[in-house]
Amino acid sequence: MTQRWDAVVVGAGFAGAILAERLASQQGKRVVLLERRKHLGGNMYDRPDHTGILVHVYGPHIFRTDSPRVLEYLSQFTEWRAYEHKVLASVDGQLVPVPFNLVSLEKLLPKQKAERLEKKLLARYAYDAKVPVYDLRHHEDAQIRELGEFIFQKIYLNYTVKQWGDRPENLDFATITKRVPVRLSHDDRYFQQQSQGMPKAGYTRLFERMLAHPNIELRLGVDATSVLSLDEASGKILFEGQPFEGTVIYSGALDELFGSRYGELAWRSLRFEVKTVDQDFFQPVAVVNYPNDHEYTRITEFKHLTGQPVRGVTTYCEEYPLAYERRRGHEPYYPIPKAENDAAHRRYLEAAQRFANLIVIGRLAEYRYYDMNDIILRALDQFEKMKG
């Protein structure tokens, strides 16, 4: 029997949508795209609220890249609004830039002490250097070590504990602080990539344009496991009850595809409380972090991101980290970086590799947090590999 589809793609976030679009537009493949949620775009999904303000439903997403390839690809589907992201943290009653930089230093420490430490840092490192907090905490100079500990305690310790919901002694702060930079400059932008901005009409519209190809059928509100199953005895993938010989691209949670036979993978989730107030703006920048106060970790105000000229009203959301429970319908956001979790995921990955026409890609499937730029590159590279 002739198959209707050349490829089945699971998940309408960036990984799945890009591969569906490339297969359809570049190779003329017939693609069916399955998405569990009732909307496309994955966590990039945005929609206008009752005031007309475009809200990022799953938290703020800011486009940035140093890759001309990524910029050129996405620019087929959107125009851009120039935007450079700035984040402040509420520390000791002040709002200071993060990542921590020389402006933060000058705001939080007495003038003479800040000037002395700045001279020491610039004598040891170049201006505009990015120095991990870990290095400062373990520096040979006692005053620089003290500064590193101050930054760690004020900016990162409590935020990380809230984010991961665990006691400090159970968290690998050495690994965390090796990744977290202190910027020895007065550049208070959160991102440093050459190209930064927001899709003019929003992310949802970008995805709609990406998936508008006539060779793509989009099925929303469909749990892939209801139509897709694995016959391990034959090494065949069944789609709608029949062996499927085409390509299956899976970007969902890998344990779900295998019925959680090796246990459910551990995630952290999020809860958002969206609020509207009758004022032009609620805070001075799009995102303010609260490392030491409140149960939420940050507040995002969307008008800063979208640039919409809505007067007298603004919408913002408070973001609360949450223990993930699949049975309660929580969304998995962050894979929990522990050896036992990585080992469980490897077992699922090994099982997936037994199916020759199954491609596993994306944050959920790979149990890995991707920045937007990185997952776009990952999908584009995967398509080139498939072509080869």
Protein backbone atom coordinates (compact mmCIF):
# COMPACT_ATOMS: atom_id res chain seq x y z
CA MET A 1 0.00 0.00 0.00
CA THR A 2 1.37 3.40 -0.97
CA GLN A 3 2.11 5.59 2.03
CA ARG A 4 0.45 8.98 2.17
CA TRP A 5 3.34 10.60 4.02
CA ASP A 6 7.08 10.64 3.49
CA ALA A 7 7.79 11.87 7.01
CA VAL A 8 6.07 12.05 10.38
CA VAL A 9 7.32 14.87 12.61
CA VAL A 10 6.41 15.02 16.29
CA GLY A 11 6.48 18.44 17.95
CA ALA A 12 5.86 21.89 16.46
CA GLY A 13 8.61 23.76 18.28
CA PHE A 14 11.72 24.93 16.45
CA ALA A 15 13.28 21.48 15.98
CA GLY A 16 10.19 19.85 14.49
CA ALA A 17 8.93 22.87 12.57
CA ILE A 18 12.27 23.60 10.89
CA LEU A 19 12.73 20.00 9.77
CA ALA A 20 9.13 19.80 8.52
CA GLU A 21 9.61 23.02 6.56
CA ARG A 22 12.96 21.94 5.08
CA LEU A 23 11.71 18.50 4.04
CA ALA A 24 8.63 20.02 2.40
CA SER A 25 10.19 23.05 0.72
CA GLN A 26 13.61 21.69 -0.23
CA GLN A 27 12.84 18.06 -1.03
CA GLY A 28 9.15 18.08 -1.87
CA LYS A 29 8.41 15.60 0.93
CA ARG A 30 4.88 15.11 2.20
CA VAL A 31 4.98 15.75 5.93
CA VAL A 32 2.44 15.29 8.71
CA LEU A 33 3.32 17.30 11.82
CA LEU A 34 1.81 16.18 15.15
CA GLU A 35 1.62 18.55 18.13
CA ARG A 36 0.21 17.61 21.54
CA ARG A 37 -0.72 21.17 22.41
CA LYS A 38 -3.51 22.99 20.62
CA HIS A 39 -1.10 25.53 19.18
CA LEU A 40 2.14 25.52 17.26
CA GLY A 41 5.46 27.12 18.22
CA GLY A 42 6.21 25.05 21.31
CA ASN A 43 7.38 27.24 24.18
CA MET A 44 7.83 30.12 21.72
CA TYR A 45 4.05 30.47 21.43
CA ASP A 46 2.71 34.00 21.94
CA ARG A 47 -0.79 35.49 21.71
CA PRO A 48 -2.50 38.81 22.40
CA ASP A 49 -4.27 39.17 25.75
CA HIS A 50 -7.51 41.08 26.33
CA THR A 51 -5.62 44.41 26.13
CA GLY A 52 -4.01 43.53 22.79
CA ILE A 53 -0.56 43.12 24.34
CA LEU A 54 1.34 40.17 22.89
CA VAL A 55 2.11 37.79 25.75
CA HIS A 56 4.79 35.08 25.70
CA VAL A 57 2.72 32.31 27.24
CA TYR A 58 5.68 30.16 28.34
CA GLY A 59 8.03 32.89 29.44
CA PRO A 60 10.17 35.43 27.56
CA HIS A 61 12.06 34.42 24.43
CA ILE A 62 14.53 36.80 22.82
CA PHE A 63 16.12 36.08 19.48
CA ARG A 64 19.87 36.51 19.25
CA THR A 65 22.58 34.93 17.12
CA ASP A 66 26.04 35.37 15.69
CA SER A 67 25.17 33.02 12.83
CA PRO A 68 24.30 34.63 9.45
CA ARG A 69 22.86 31.24 8.53
CA VAL A 70 20.32 31.32 11.37
CA LEU A 71 19.39 34.95 10.71
CA GLU A 72 18.95 34.35 6.98
CA TYR A 73 16.81 31.27 7.57
CA LEU A 74 14.37 32.85 10.03
CA SER A 75 14.20 36.10 8.07
CA GLN A 76 12.31 34.20 5.36
CA PHE A 77 9.36 34.09 7.76
CA THR A 78 9.50 37.34 9.70
CA GLU A 79 10.61 40.93 9.78
CA TRP A 80 12.48 42.05 12.89
CA ARG A 81 12.01 44.65 15.59
CA ALA A 82 15.36 45.92 16.86
CA TYR A 83 15.62 45.03 20.54
CA GLU A 84 18.51 44.51 22.95
CA HIS A 85 17.60 42.63 26.09
CA LYS A 86 18.51 44.04 29.50
CA VAL A 87 17.87 42.29 32.81
CA LEU A 88 18.02 43.79 36.28
CA ALA A 89 18.19 42.00 39.62
CA SER A 90 16.66 43.26 42.84
CA VAL A 91 19.52 43.23 45.35
CA ASP A 92 19.58 45.05 48.68
CA GLY A 93 16.82 47.40 47.58
CA GLN A 94 18.45 48.32 44.27
CA LEU A 95 18.03 47.18 40.69
CA VAL A 96 21.40 46.21 39.25
CA PRO A 97 22.36 44.74 35.85
CA VAL A 98 22.86 41.01 35.42
CA PRO A 99 25.05 39.32 34.46
CA PHE A 100 27.06 41.14 37.11
CA ASN A 101 29.29 43.81 35.54
CA LEU A 102 31.15 46.98 36.49
CA VAL A 103 27.88 48.94 36.68
CA SER A 104 26.58 46.37 39.20
CA LEU A 105 29.81 46.69 41.17
CA GLU A 106 29.52 50.48 41.34
CA LYS A 107 25.88 50.32 42.44
CA LEU A 108 26.25 47.73 45.22
CA LEU A 109 29.57 48.65 46.86
CA PRO A 110 30.82 51.88 48.45
CA LYS A 111 32.53 54.12 45.89
CA GLN A 112 36.11 53.74 47.08
CA LYS A 113 35.83 49.97 47.52
CA ALA A 114 34.26 49.59 44.08
CA GLU A 115 37.01 51.67 42.47
CA ARG A 116 39.73 49.66 44.23
CA LEU A 117 38.24 46.32 43.16
CA GLU A 118 37.70 47.53 39.61
CA LYS A 119 41.39 48.47 39.34
CA LYS A 120 42.41 45.08 40.70
CA LEU A 121 40.15 43.22 38.30
CA LEU A 122 41.31 45.19 35.26
CA ALA A 123 44.94 44.72 36.25
CA ARG A 124 44.38 40.96 36.30
CA TYR A 125 41.93 40.63 33.39
CA ALA A 126 41.31 42.59 30.20
CA TYR A 127 38.48 45.11 29.94
CA ASP A 128 35.41 43.37 28.52
CA ALA A 129 36.64 39.97 29.75
CA LYS A 130 34.07 37.44 30.93
CA VAL A 131 35.31 35.84 34.14
CA PRO A 132 33.39 32.93 35.72
CA VAL A 133 32.16 33.56 39.25
CA TYR A 134 33.92 30.32 40.18
CA ASP A 135 37.29 31.83 39.23
CA LEU A 136 36.69 34.90 41.38
CA ARG A 137 35.63 32.76 44.36
CA HIS A 138 38.90 30.82 44.08
CA HIS A 139 41.24 33.71 43.24
CA GLU A 140 44.59 34.04 45.05
CA ASP A 141 43.78 37.65 46.00
CA ALA A 142 41.65 37.74 49.16
CA GLN A 143 39.73 40.86 48.15
CA ILE A 144 38.81 39.38 44.75
CA ARG A 145 37.77 36.14 46.50
CA GLU A 146 35.57 38.20 48.81
CA LEU A 147 33.99 39.91 45.81
CA GLY A 148 33.36 36.55 44.12
CA GLU A 149 31.62 35.26 47.23
CA PHE A 150 29.57 38.46 47.51
CA ILE A 151 28.38 38.10 43.91
CA PHE A 152 27.62 34.41 44.43
CA GLN A 153 25.61 35.05 47.60
CA LYS A 154 23.70 38.10 46.36
CA ILE A 155 22.97 37.15 42.75
CA TYR A 156 23.14 33.38 42.21
CA LEU A 157 22.83 31.26 45.36
CA ASN A 158 19.20 31.83 46.33
CA TYR A 159 18.05 32.19 42.71
CA THR A 160 19.53 28.78 41.91
CA VAL A 161 17.97 27.17 44.98
CA LYS A 162 14.56 28.55 43.98
CA GLN A 163 15.05 27.51 40.37
CA TRP A 164 15.98 23.92 41.14
CA GLY A 165 13.97 23.45 44.32
CA ASP A 166 16.79 21.76 46.19
CA ARG A 167 19.07 22.39 49.12
CA PRO A 168 22.45 24.02 48.40
CA GLU A 169 24.40 20.93 49.47
CA ASN A 170 22.58 18.85 46.80
CA LEU A 171 23.35 21.26 43.96
CA ASP A 172 26.57 21.35 41.96
CA PHE A 173 27.42 25.02 42.47
CA ALA A 174 30.96 24.50 41.20
CA THR A 175 29.61 23.52 37.78
CA ILE A 176 26.98 26.26 37.85
CA THR A 177 29.40 29.05 38.73
CA LYS A 178 31.94 27.88 36.15
CA ARG A 179 29.31 28.76 33.52
CA VAL A 180 28.15 32.08 35.03
CA PRO A 181 30.22 35.08 33.88
CA VAL A 182 31.08 38.37 35.51
CA ARG A 183 31.57 40.92 32.73
CA LEU A 184 34.36 43.39 33.22
CA SER A 185 32.73 46.16 31.23
CA HIS A 186 29.93 48.70 31.44
CA ASP A 187 27.92 46.94 28.71
CA ASP A 188 24.72 46.03 30.55
CA ARG A 189 23.06 44.07 27.73
CA TYR A 190 22.05 40.56 28.79
CA PHE A 191 23.17 39.06 25.47
CA GLN A 192 26.24 39.95 23.45
CA GLN A 193 25.40 38.39 20.08
CA GLN A 194 25.71 40.55 16.98
CA SER A 195 22.09 40.06 15.85
CA GLN A 196 19.35 40.61 18.44
CA GLY A 197 15.67 41.36 18.07
CA MET A 198 12.07 40.24 18.19
CA PRO A 199 9.84 38.97 15.37
CA LYS A 200 7.72 41.99 14.42
CA ALA A 201 4.46 40.05 14.30
CA GLY A 202 5.44 37.63 17.07
CA TYR A 203 6.71 34.06 17.19
CA THR A 204 3.37 32.42 16.49
CA ARG A 205 3.07 34.27 13.19
CA LEU A 206 6.64 33.26 12.33
CA PHE A 207 5.74 29.59 12.85
CA GLU A 208 2.52 29.94 10.87
CA ARG A 209 4.49 31.25 7.90
CA MET A 210 7.13 28.55 8.32
CA LEU A 211 4.54 25.77 8.23
CA ALA A 212 2.30 27.19 5.49
CA HIS A 213 3.78 24.92 2.81
CA PRO A 214 1.09 22.85 1.01
CA ASN A 215 3.08 19.63 1.61
CA ILE A 216 2.70 20.01 5.40
CA GLU A 217 -0.39 18.85 7.28
CA LEU A 218 -0.46 20.21 10.82
CA ARG A 219 -2.42 18.24 13.40
CA LEU A 220 -2.81 20.10 16.68
CA GLY A 221 -4.04 18.59 19.94
CA VAL A 222 -2.76 15.13 18.96
CA ASP A 223 -0.71 13.07 21.40
CA ALA A 224 1.82 11.30 19.20
CA THR A 225 1.70 8.14 21.33
CA SER A 226 -1.97 7.71 20.32
CA VAL A 227 -0.99 7.22 16.65
CA LEU A 228 2.68 6.24 16.83
CA SER A 229 4.02 3.02 18.37
CA LEU A 230 7.18 0.95 18.29
CA ASP A 231 7.38 -2.73 17.38
CA GLU A 232 10.68 -3.69 18.91
CA ALA A 233 10.53 -7.27 17.65
CA SER A 234 10.56 -6.13 14.03
CA GLY A 235 12.33 -2.81 14.52
CA LYS A 236 9.39 -1.13 12.79
CA ILE A 237 7.58 2.08 13.69
CA LEU A 238 3.81 1.91 13.37
CA PHE A 239 1.86 5.01 12.36
CA GLU A 240 -1.91 4.78 12.68
CA GLY A 241 -1.53 1.02 13.10
CA GLN A 242 0.53 0.42 9.95
CA PRO A 243 4.30 -0.04 9.51
CA PHE A 244 5.78 3.29 8.46
CA GLU A 245 8.82 3.19 6.19
CA GLY A 246 9.41 6.95 5.95
CA THR A 247 11.36 9.17 8.31
CA VAL A 248 10.04 9.76 11.84
CA ILE A 249 11.40 12.88 13.55
CA TYR A 250 10.64 12.90 17.26
CA SER A 251 11.12 16.00 19.42
CA GLY A 252 8.89 15.02 22.33
CA ALA A 253 9.88 13.56 25.70
CA LEU A 254 11.70 10.33 24.91
CA ASP A 255 10.47 8.41 27.95
CA GLU A 256 6.87 8.93 26.81
CA LEU A 257 7.61 7.28 23.45
CA PHE A 258 8.77 4.16 25.33
CA GLY A 259 5.98 4.13 27.91
CA SER A 260 8.39 5.24 30.67
CA ARG A 261 9.78 1.70 30.88
CA TYR A 262 12.99 2.94 32.52
CA GLY A 263 11.16 5.43 34.69
CA GLU A 264 10.03 8.98 34.08
CA LEU A 265 12.77 11.49 33.38
CA ALA A 266 13.07 14.26 35.96
CA TRP A 267 12.33 17.88 35.04
CA ARG A 268 11.70 21.23 36.62
CA SER A 269 8.55 23.03 35.58
CA LEU A 270 7.22 26.58 35.82
CA ARG A 271 4.02 28.32 36.78
CA PHE A 272 3.13 31.78 35.45
CA GLU A 273 0.82 34.31 37.06
CA VAL A 274 -0.16 36.89 34.46
CA LYS A 275 -1.37 40.28 35.72
CA THR A 276 -2.61 43.47 34.10
CA VAL A 277 -2.35 46.90 35.73
CA ASP A 278 -3.58 50.33 34.69
CA GLN A 279 -0.27 52.10 34.15
CA ASP A 280 2.05 52.64 31.20
CA PHE A 281 4.85 50.46 32.56
CA PHE A 282 5.32 48.29 35.64
CA GLN A 283 9.13 48.06 35.65
CA PRO A 284 12.03 49.74 33.82
CA VAL A 285 13.08 46.75 31.67
CA ALA A 286 11.47 43.60 30.29
CA VAL A 287 12.84 41.28 32.98
CA VAL A 288 13.66 41.85 36.64
CA ASN A 289 15.11 38.94 38.63
CA TYR A 290 14.37 38.42 42.31
CA PRO A 291 17.14 36.19 43.63
CA ASN A 292 16.54 36.81 47.34
CA ASP A 293 12.96 38.06 47.70
CA HIS A 294 9.57 36.50 46.93
CA GLU A 295 8.73 32.99 45.78
CA TYR A 296 8.95 33.93 42.11
CA THR A 297 12.31 34.16 40.37
CA ARG A 298 11.52 36.93 37.91
CA ILE A 299 8.90 39.25 36.46
CA THR A 300 8.56 39.78 32.72
CA GLU A 301 6.74 42.82 31.30
CA PHE A 302 5.81 42.16 27.70
CA LYS A 303 5.47 45.68 26.25
CA HIS A 304 9.22 46.12 26.60
CA LEU A 305 9.69 43.11 24.31
CA THR A 306 7.05 43.93 21.73
CA GLY A 307 7.31 47.72 21.61
CA GLN A 308 3.54 47.98 21.26
CA PRO A 309 2.22 51.55 21.74
CA VAL A 310 -0.51 50.55 24.22
CA ARG A 311 -1.10 53.43 26.64
CA GLY A 312 -2.40 53.33 30.21
CA VAL A 313 -2.22 49.55 30.67
CA THR A 314 0.49 46.91 30.82
CA THR A 315 0.69 43.14 31.27
CA TYR A 316 3.38 41.27 33.17
CA CYS A 317 3.88 37.80 34.58
CA GLU A 318 5.47 36.41 37.70
CA GLU A 319 7.44 33.20 37.13
CA TYR A 320 7.41 30.49 39.80
CA PRO A 321 9.63 27.38 39.60
CA LEU A 322 7.64 24.22 40.12
CA ALA A 323 8.26 20.53 40.80
CA TYR A 324 7.30 18.69 37.62
CA GLU A 325 4.45 16.19 37.75
CA ARG A 326 3.35 14.74 34.43
CA ARG A 327 0.05 13.42 35.79
CA ARG A 328 -0.93 16.98 36.74
CA GLY A 329 -0.29 18.27 33.25
CA HIS A 330 2.84 20.26 34.07
CA GLU A 331 5.10 21.27 31.22
CA PRO A 332 8.70 19.98 31.37
CA TYR A 333 11.09 22.94 31.06
CA TYR A 334 14.51 22.15 32.47
CA PRO A 335 16.21 18.73 32.58
CA ILE A 336 17.67 18.20 36.05
CA PRO A 337 21.44 17.77 35.65
CA LYS A 338 22.20 14.70 37.74
CA ALA A 339 24.15 11.59 36.77
CA GLU A 340 21.24 9.23 37.39
CA ASN A 341 18.96 11.28 35.13
CA ASP A 342 21.52 11.32 32.32
CA ALA A 343 21.95 7.55 32.70
CA ALA A 344 18.20 6.96 32.41
CA HIS A 345 18.04 9.13 29.31
CA ARG A 346 20.93 7.21 27.73
CA ARG A 347 18.92 3.99 28.09
CA TYR A 348 16.04 5.55 26.18
CA LEU A 349 18.43 6.89 23.57
CA GLU A 350 19.97 3.45 23.08
CA ALA A 351 16.49 1.98 22.65
CA ALA A 352 15.63 4.67 20.08
CA GLN A 353 18.75 3.88 18.07
CA ARG A 354 17.36 0.41 17.29
CA PHE A 355 14.89 2.03 14.89
CA ALA A 356 16.71 2.95 11.70
CA ASN A 357 14.17 5.55 10.52
CA LEU A 358 13.79 7.35 13.88
CA ILE A 359 15.54 10.69 14.42
CA VAL A 360 15.58 12.09 17.96
CA ILE A 361 16.11 15.84 18.23
CA GLY A 362 15.24 18.75 20.50
CA ARG A 363 15.22 19.81 24.13
CA LEU A 364 12.72 17.20 25.33
CA ALA A 365 13.98 14.30 23.24
CA GLU A 366 17.66 14.95 23.92
CA TYR A 367 17.10 15.83 27.60
CA ARG A 368 19.15 18.95 27.10
CA TYR A 369 18.38 22.64 27.48
CA TYR A 370 18.96 24.51 24.22
CA ASP A 371 19.18 28.24 23.67
CA MET A 372 17.05 29.33 20.71
CA ASN A 373 20.02 29.97 18.42
CA ASP A 374 21.48 26.54 19.23
CA ILE A 375 18.35 24.52 18.51
CA ILE A 376 17.83 26.34 15.21
CA LEU A 377 21.40 25.46 14.19
CA ARG A 378 20.92 21.91 15.45
CA ALA A 379 17.83 21.47 13.25
CA LEU A 380 19.46 23.01 10.18
CA ASP A 381 22.51 20.78 10.64
CA GLN A 382 20.27 17.74 11.06
CA PHE A 383 18.60 18.48 7.73
CA GLU A 384 21.99 18.73 6.00
CA LYS A 385 22.94 15.39 7.55
CA MET A 386 19.69 13.83 6.30
CA LYS A 387 20.37 15.16 2.79
CA GLY A 388 23.78 13.55 2.84
